PDB file of N, CA and C in Angstrom:
ATOM      1  N   MET A   1     -20.374  11.827   0.412  1.00  0.00           N
ATOM      2  CA  MET A   1     -19.537  10.843   1.301  1.00  0.00           C
ATOM      3  C   MET A   1     -19.211   9.669   0.608  1.00  0.00           C
ATOM      4  N   LYS A   2     -18.201   9.178   0.580  1.00  0.00           N
ATOM      5  CA  LYS A   2     -18.099   8.142  -0.249  1.00  0.00           C
ATOM      6  C   LYS A   2     -16.807   7.232   0.868  1.00  0.00           C
ATOM      7  N   THR A   3     -17.315   6.076   0.483  1.00  0.00           N
ATOM      8  CA  THR A   3     -16.463   5.369   1.298  1.00  0.00           C
ATOM      9  C   THR A   3     -15.365   4.323   0.795  1.00  0.00           C
ATOM     10  N   TYR A   4     -14.510   4.086   0.955  1.00  0.00           N
ATOM     11  CA  TYR A   4     -13.664   3.733   0.447  1.00  0.00           C
ATOM     12  C   TYR A   4     -12.704   2.333   1.433  1.00  0.00           C
ATOM     13  N   THR A   5     -12.593   1.423   0.795  1.00  0.00           N
ATOM     14  CA  THR A   5     -11.348   0.591   1.480  1.00  0.00           C
ATOM     15  C   THR A   5     -10.323   0.021   1.908  1.00  0.00           C
ATOM     16  N   ALA A   6      -9.949   0.047   2.864  1.00  0.00           N
ATOM     17  CA  ALA A   6      -8.462   0.132   2.921  1.00  0.00           C
ATOM     18  C   ALA A   6      -7.595  -1.175   3.312  1.00  0.00           C
ATOM     19  N   ILE A   7      -6.915  -2.014   2.755  1.00  0.00           N
ATOM     20  CA  ILE A   7      -5.785  -3.121   2.507  1.00  0.00           C
ATOM     21  C   ILE A   7      -4.907  -1.970   4.344  1.00  0.00           C
ATOM     22  N   ILE A   8      -4.882  -2.952   5.094  1.00  0.00           N
ATOM     23  CA  ILE A   8      -3.407  -2.246   6.093  1.00  0.00           C
ATOM     24  C   ILE A   8      -3.149  -4.127   6.420  1.00  0.00           C
ATOM     25  N   GLU A   9      -1.699  -3.982   7.120  1.00  0.00           N
ATOM     26  CA  GLU A   9      -0.507  -4.603   7.227  1.00  0.00           C
ATOM     27  C   GLU A   9       0.031  -4.266   8.344  1.00  0.00           C
ATOM     28  N   ARG A  10       0.897  -4.846   8.563  1.00  0.00           N
ATOM     29  CA  ARG A  10       1.785  -4.315   9.608  1.00  0.00           C
ATOM     30  C   ARG A  10       3.231  -4.883   9.035  1.00  0.00           C
ATOM     31  N   CYS A  11       4.057  -3.682   9.372  1.00  0.00           N
ATOM     32  CA  CYS A  11       5.326  -4.064   8.788  1.00  0.00           C
ATOM     33  C   CYS A  11       6.619  -4.795   9.972  1.00  0.00           C
ATOM     34  N   PRO A  12       7.196  -5.802   9.746  1.00  0.00           N
ATOM     35  CA  PRO A  12       7.808  -6.794  10.513  1.00  0.00           C
ATOM     36  C   PRO A  12       9.178  -5.830  10.960  1.00  0.00           C
ATOM     37  N   ASP A  13       9.564  -4.739  10.184  1.00  0.00           N
ATOM     38  CA  ASP A  13      10.924  -4.178  10.011  1.00  0.00           C
ATOM     39  C   ASP A  13      10.604  -3.016  10.798  1.00  0.00           C
ATOM     40  N   THR A  14       9.185  -2.342  10.600  1.00  0.00           N
ATOM     41  CA  THR A  14       9.202  -0.902  11.500  1.00  0.00           C
ATOM     42  C   THR A  14       8.345  -1.242  12.558  1.00  0.00           C
ATOM     43  N   ASN A  15       7.432  -2.588  12.412  1.00  0.00           N
ATOM     44  CA  ASN A  15       6.687  -2.615  13.549  1.00  0.00           C
ATOM     45  C   ASN A  15       5.240  -1.579  13.246  1.00  0.00           C
ATOM     46  N   LEU A  16       5.340  -0.583  12.195  1.00  0.00           N
ATOM     47  CA  LEU A  16       4.293   0.299  11.880  1.00  0.00           C
ATOM     48  C   LEU A  16       3.229  -0.731  10.843  1.00  0.00           C
ATOM     49  N   TYR A  17       1.941   0.142  11.028  1.00  0.00           N
ATOM     50  CA  TYR A  17       1.034  -0.214  10.118  1.00  0.00           C
ATOM     51  C   TYR A  17       0.934   0.732   9.021  1.00  0.00           C
ATOM     52  N   VAL A  18       0.828  -0.213   7.639  1.00  0.00           N
ATOM     53  CA  VAL A  18       0.908   0.475   6.349  1.00  0.00           C
ATOM     54  C   VAL A  18      -0.678  -0.123   5.323  1.00  0.00           C
ATOM     55  N   GLY A  19      -1.039   0.806   5.611  1.00  0.00           N
ATOM     56  CA  GLY A  19      -2.459   0.746   4.265  1.00  0.00           C
ATOM     57  C   GLY A  19      -2.147   1.487   3.300  1.00  0.00           C
ATOM     58  N   TYR A  20      -3.762   0.866   2.439  1.00  0.00           N
ATOM     59  CA  TYR A  20      -3.544   1.643   0.839  1.00  0.00           C
ATOM     60  C   TYR A  20      -4.886   0.943  -0.021  1.00  0.00           C
ATOM     61  N   ILE A  21      -5.647   2.465  -0.554  1.00  0.00           N
ATOM     62  CA  ILE A  21      -6.502   1.674  -0.259  1.00  0.00           C
ATOM     63  C   ILE A  21      -6.491   1.187  -2.509  1.00  0.00           C
ATOM     64  N   PRO A  22      -7.092  -0.195  -2.804  1.00  0.00           N
ATOM     65  CA  PRO A  22      -7.302  -0.573  -3.685  1.00  0.00           C
ATOM     66  C   PRO A  22      -7.702   0.308  -5.491  1.00  0.00           C
ATOM     67  N   GLY A  23      -6.614  -0.094  -6.006  1.00  0.00           N
ATOM     68  CA  GLY A  23      -7.171   1.048  -7.047  1.00  0.00           C
ATOM     69  C   GLY A  23      -7.289   2.507  -7.165  1.00  0.00           C
ATOM     70  N   PHE A  24      -6.753   3.280  -6.621  1.00  0.00           N
ATOM     71  CA  PHE A  24      -6.518   4.243  -5.951  1.00  0.00           C
ATOM     72  C   PHE A  24      -4.985   5.004  -6.143  1.00  0.00           C
ATOM     73  N   PRO A  25      -4.052   5.016  -7.283  1.00  0.00           N
ATOM     74  CA  PRO A  25      -3.215   5.436  -7.506  1.00  0.00           C
ATOM     75  C   PRO A  25      -2.591   6.670  -5.863  1.00  0.00           C
ATOM     76  N   GLY A  26      -1.683   6.473  -5.516  1.00  0.00           N
ATOM     77  CA  GLY A  26      -1.443   6.841  -4.257  1.00  0.00           C
ATOM     78  C   GLY A  26      -2.368   7.417  -3.244  1.00  0.00           C
ATOM     79  N   ALA A  27      -2.730   6.167  -2.955  1.00  0.00           N
ATOM     80  CA  ALA A  27      -3.628   6.286  -2.095  1.00  0.00           C
ATOM     81  C   ALA A  27      -3.200   5.466  -0.828  1.00  0.00           C
ATOM     82  N   HIS A  28      -2.583   5.747  -0.146  1.00  0.00           N
ATOM     83  CA  HIS A  28      -1.034   5.094   0.405  1.00  0.00           C
ATOM     84  C   HIS A  28      -0.834   5.440   1.619  1.00  0.00           C
ATOM     85  N   SER A  29      -0.424   4.911   2.806  1.00  0.00           N
ATOM     86  CA  SER A  29       0.001   5.989   4.595  1.00  0.00           C
ATOM     87  C   SER A  29       0.245   4.568   4.983  1.00  0.00           C
ATOM     88  N   GLN A  30       1.311   5.270   6.388  1.00  0.00           N
ATOM     89  CA  GLN A  30       2.279   4.234   7.333  1.00  0.00           C
ATOM     90  C   GLN A  30       1.511   5.032   8.846  1.00  0.00           C
ATOM     91  N   ALA A  31       1.248   4.389   9.688  1.00  0.00           N
ATOM     92  CA  ALA A  31       1.542   5.057  11.240  1.00  0.00           C
ATOM     93  C   ALA A  31       2.093   4.133  12.197  1.00  0.00           C
ATOM     94  N   GLU A  32       1.647   4.106  13.763  1.00  0.00           N
ATOM     95  CA  GLU A  32       1.590   3.424  14.616  1.00  0.00           C
ATOM     96  C   GLU A  32       0.507   2.908  14.914  1.00  0.00           C
ATOM     97  N   THR A  33      -0.514   3.776  14.880  1.00  0.00           N
ATOM     98  CA  THR A  33      -1.877   2.847  15.231  1.00  0.00           C
ATOM     99  C   THR A  33      -2.637   3.338  14.406  1.00  0.00           C
ATOM    100  N   LEU A  34      -3.492   2.310  14.477  1.00  0.00           N
ATOM    101  CA  LEU A  34      -4.927   1.999  13.409  1.00  0.00           C
ATOM    102  C   LEU A  34      -5.876   3.266  13.430  1.00  0.00           C
ATOM    103  N   ASP A  35      -5.739   3.879  14.128  1.00  0.00           N
ATOM    104  CA  ASP A  35      -7.102   4.800  14.256  1.00  0.00           C
ATOM    105  C   ASP A  35      -5.833   6.327  13.512  1.00  0.00           C
ATOM    106  N   GLU A  36      -4.324   6.422  14.177  1.00  0.00           N
ATOM    107  CA  GLU A  36      -3.573   7.010  13.358  1.00  0.00           C
ATOM    108  C   GLU A  36      -3.782   7.065  11.538  1.00  0.00           C
ATOM    109  N   LEU A  37      -3.346   6.106  11.001  1.00  0.00           N
ATOM    110  CA  LEU A  37      -3.878   5.137  10.183  1.00  0.00           C
ATOM    111  C   LEU A  37      -4.790   5.605   9.315  1.00  0.00           C
ATOM    112  N   ASN A  38      -5.697   5.331  10.158  1.00  0.00           N
ATOM    113  CA  ASN A  38      -7.567   5.883   9.211  1.00  0.00           C
ATOM    114  C   ASN A  38      -6.969   7.772   9.351  1.00  0.00           C
ATOM    115  N   ARG A  39      -6.689   7.824  10.008  1.00  0.00           N
ATOM    116  CA  ARG A  39      -6.999   9.887   9.503  1.00  0.00           C
ATOM    117  C   ARG A  39      -5.657   9.777   8.060  1.00  0.00           C
ATOM    118  N   ASN A  40      -4.732   9.284   8.772  1.00  0.00           N
ATOM    119  CA  ASN A  40      -3.900   9.584   7.665  1.00  0.00           C
ATOM    120  C   ASN A  40      -4.366   8.943   6.416  1.00  0.00           C
ATOM    121  N   LEU A  41      -4.805   8.192   6.257  1.00  0.00           N
ATOM    122  CA  LEU A  41      -5.628   7.778   4.341  1.00  0.00           C
ATOM    123  C   LEU A  41      -6.280   8.905   4.584  1.00  0.00           C
ATOM    124  N   LYS A  42      -7.469   9.346   5.320  1.00  0.00           N
ATOM    125  CA  LYS A  42      -8.125  10.023   5.172  1.00  0.00           C
ATOM    126  C   LYS A  42      -7.851  11.413   4.878  1.00  0.00           C
ATOM    127  N   GLU A  43      -6.866  12.160   5.188  1.00  0.00           N
ATOM    128  CA  GLU A  43      -6.337  13.064   4.580  1.00  0.00           C
ATOM    129  C   GLU A  43      -6.075  12.869   3.272  1.00  0.00           C
ATOM    130  N   VAL A  44      -4.998  11.789   2.938  1.00  0.00           N
ATOM    131  CA  VAL A  44      -4.230  11.562   1.576  1.00  0.00           C
ATOM    132  C   VAL A  44      -5.580  11.622   0.293  1.00  0.00           C
ATOM    133  N   ILE A  45      -6.713  10.883   1.026  1.00  0.00           N
ATOM    134  CA  ILE A  45      -7.867  10.536   0.123  1.00  0.00           C
ATOM    135  C   ILE A  45      -8.328  12.508  -0.247  1.00  0.00           C
ATOM    136  N   GLU A  46      -8.005  12.762   0.541  1.00  0.00           N
ATOM    137  CA  GLU A  46      -9.387  14.626   0.783  1.00  0.00           C
ATOM    138  C   GLU A  46      -7.906  15.576  -0.565  1.00  0.00           C
ATOM    139  N   ILE A  47      -6.889  14.817  -0.203  1.00  0.00           N
ATOM    140  CA  ILE A  47      -5.572  16.191  -1.099  1.00  0.00           C
ATOM    141  C   ILE A  47      -6.373  15.416  -2.291  1.00  0.00           C
ATOM    142  N   LEU A  48      -6.238  14.297  -2.557  1.00  0.00           N
ATOM    143  CA  LEU A  48      -5.839  13.272  -3.869  1.00  0.00           C
ATOM    144  C   LEU A  48      -7.672  13.677  -4.231  1.00  0.00           C
ATOM    145  N   LEU A  49      -8.599  13.853  -3.831  1.00  0.00           N
ATOM    146  CA  LEU A  49      -9.636  14.039  -4.423  1.00  0.00           C
ATOM    147  C   LEU A  49      -9.330  15.557  -5.054  1.00  0.00           C
ATOM    148  N   GLU A  50      -8.795  16.771  -4.438  1.00  0.00           N
ATOM    149  CA  GLU A  50      -8.841  17.723  -5.036  1.00  0.00           C
ATOM    150  C   GLU A  50      -8.583  18.115  -6.519  1.00  0.00           C
ATOM    151  N   ASP A  51      -7.768  16.957  -7.082  1.00  0.00           N
ATOM    152  CA  ASP A  51      -7.560  17.266  -8.601  1.00  0.00           C
ATOM    153  C   ASP A  51      -8.780  16.453  -9.341  1.00  0.00           C
ATOM    154  N   GLY A  52     -10.169  16.190  -8.555  1.00  0.00           N
ATOM    155  CA  GLY A  52     -10.875  15.015  -9.098  1.00  0.00           C
ATOM    156  C   GLY A  52     -11.138  13.373  -8.848  1.00  0.00           C
ATOM    157  N   GLU A  53     -12.195  13.394  -8.753  1.00  0.00           N
ATOM    158  CA  GLU A  53     -12.015  11.994  -8.846  1.00  0.00           C
ATOM    159  C   GLU A  53     -11.418  11.029  -9.579  1.00  0.00           C
ATOM    160  N   PRO A  54     -10.262   9.900  -9.339  1.00  0.00           N
ATOM    161  CA  PRO A  54      -9.379   9.656  -9.875  1.00  0.00           C
ATOM    162  C   PRO A  54     -10.622   7.956 -10.943  1.00  0.00           C
ATOM    163  N   GLU A  55      -9.832   7.952 -12.055  1.00  0.00           N
ATOM    164  CA  GLU A  55     -10.463   6.904 -13.023  1.00  0.00           C
ATOM    165  C   GLU A  55      -9.735   5.608 -12.275  1.00  0.00           C
ATOM    166  N   SER A  56     -10.914   4.512 -11.172  1.00  0.00           N
ATOM    167  CA  SER A  56     -10.096   3.337 -10.612  1.00  0.00           C
ATOM    168  C   SER A  56      -9.716   2.694 -11.573  1.00  0.00           C
ATOM    169  N   GLU A  57      -8.388   1.964 -11.516  1.00  0.00           N
ATOM    170  CA  GLU A  57      -7.494   1.074 -11.957  1.00  0.00           C
ATOM    171  C   GLU A  57      -7.929  -0.568 -11.428  1.00  0.00           C
ATOM    172  N   SER A  58      -8.770  -0.561 -10.377  1.00  0.00           N
ATOM    173  CA  SER A  58      -9.221  -2.212  -9.789  1.00  0.00           C
ATOM    174  C   SER A  58     -10.404  -1.605  -8.900  1.00  0.00           C
ATOM    175  N   TYR A  59     -11.377  -2.667  -8.382  1.00  0.00           N
ATOM    176  CA  TYR A  59     -11.866  -2.600  -7.078  1.00  0.00           C
ATOM    177  C   TYR A  59     -11.969  -3.512  -6.712  1.00  0.00           C
ATOM    178  N   PHE A  60     -11.713  -3.539  -5.405  1.00  0.00           N
ATOM    179  CA  PHE A  60     -12.278  -4.114  -4.154  1.00  0.00           C
ATOM    180  C   PHE A  60     -13.172  -5.525  -3.996  1.00  0.00           C
ATOM    181  N   VAL A  61     -12.818  -6.867  -4.450  1.00  0.00           N
ATOM    182  CA  VAL A  61     -14.100  -7.378  -4.310  1.00  0.00           C
ATOM    183  C   VAL A  61     -14.119  -8.150  -2.872  1.00  0.00           C
ATOM    184  N   GLY A  62     -12.899  -9.031  -2.377  1.00  0.00           N
ATOM    185  CA  GLY A  62     -12.691  -9.576  -1.032  1.00  0.00           C
ATOM    186  C   GLY A  62     -11.806 -10.179  -0.859  1.00  0.00           C
ATOM    187  N   ILE A  63     -11.457 -10.740   0.191  1.00  0.00           N
ATOM    188  CA  ILE A  63     -10.406 -11.996   0.698  1.00  0.00           C
ATOM    189  C   ILE A  63     -10.652 -13.324   0.346  1.00  0.00           C
ATOM    190  N   GLN A  64      -9.709 -14.504  -0.010  1.00  0.00           N
ATOM    191  CA  GLN A  64     -10.355 -15.279   0.292  1.00  0.00           C
ATOM    192  C   GLN A  64      -8.771 -16.236   0.923  1.00  0.00           C
ATOM    193  N   THR A  65      -9.916 -17.334   1.766  1.00  0.00           N
ATOM    194  CA  THR A  65      -8.488 -18.567   1.688  1.00  0.00           C
ATOM    195  C   THR A  65      -8.227 -19.662   0.876  1.00  0.00           C
ATOM    196  N   VAL A  66      -6.785 -19.550   0.741  1.00  0.00           N
ATOM    197  CA  VAL A  66      -5.944 -20.477   0.026  1.00  0.00           C
ATOM    198  C   VAL A  66      -5.462 -21.636   0.909  1.00  0.00           C
ATOM    199  N   THR A  67      -6.076 -22.656   1.028  1.00  0.00           N
ATOM    200  CA  THR A  67      -4.934 -24.005   1.624  1.00  0.00           C
ATOM    201  C   THR A  67      -3.978 -24.624   0.324  1.00  0.00           C
ATOM    202  N   VAL A  68      -2.562 -24.508   1.152  1.00  0.00           N
ATOM    203  CA  VAL A  68      -2.054 -25.352   0.615  1.00  0.00           C
ATOM    204  C   VAL A  68      -1.222 -26.680   0.880  1.00  0.00           C
TER     205      VAL A  68
END
C-alpha cells in the first residue's frame, strides 16, 4: 500500500473541490464533497497504476506562508 499527498482547492466558479497529486501525471479529479474527491482520486490513481508505477516529475515538500 502506498500513500500519496493530494493538493485540494475549491473552484470559485463551479464550487467544486479540485484535487491533484503533485508529480503524478494525470492524477487529478473534482467532486462536490471532500469524501467524493478522495474516492475519485483513489480510483484515478488505481487506474493509472495499472500501467505501472509512474516516474515522479516532482515530490511534495510542504507548504509555506509568504508575507508581503
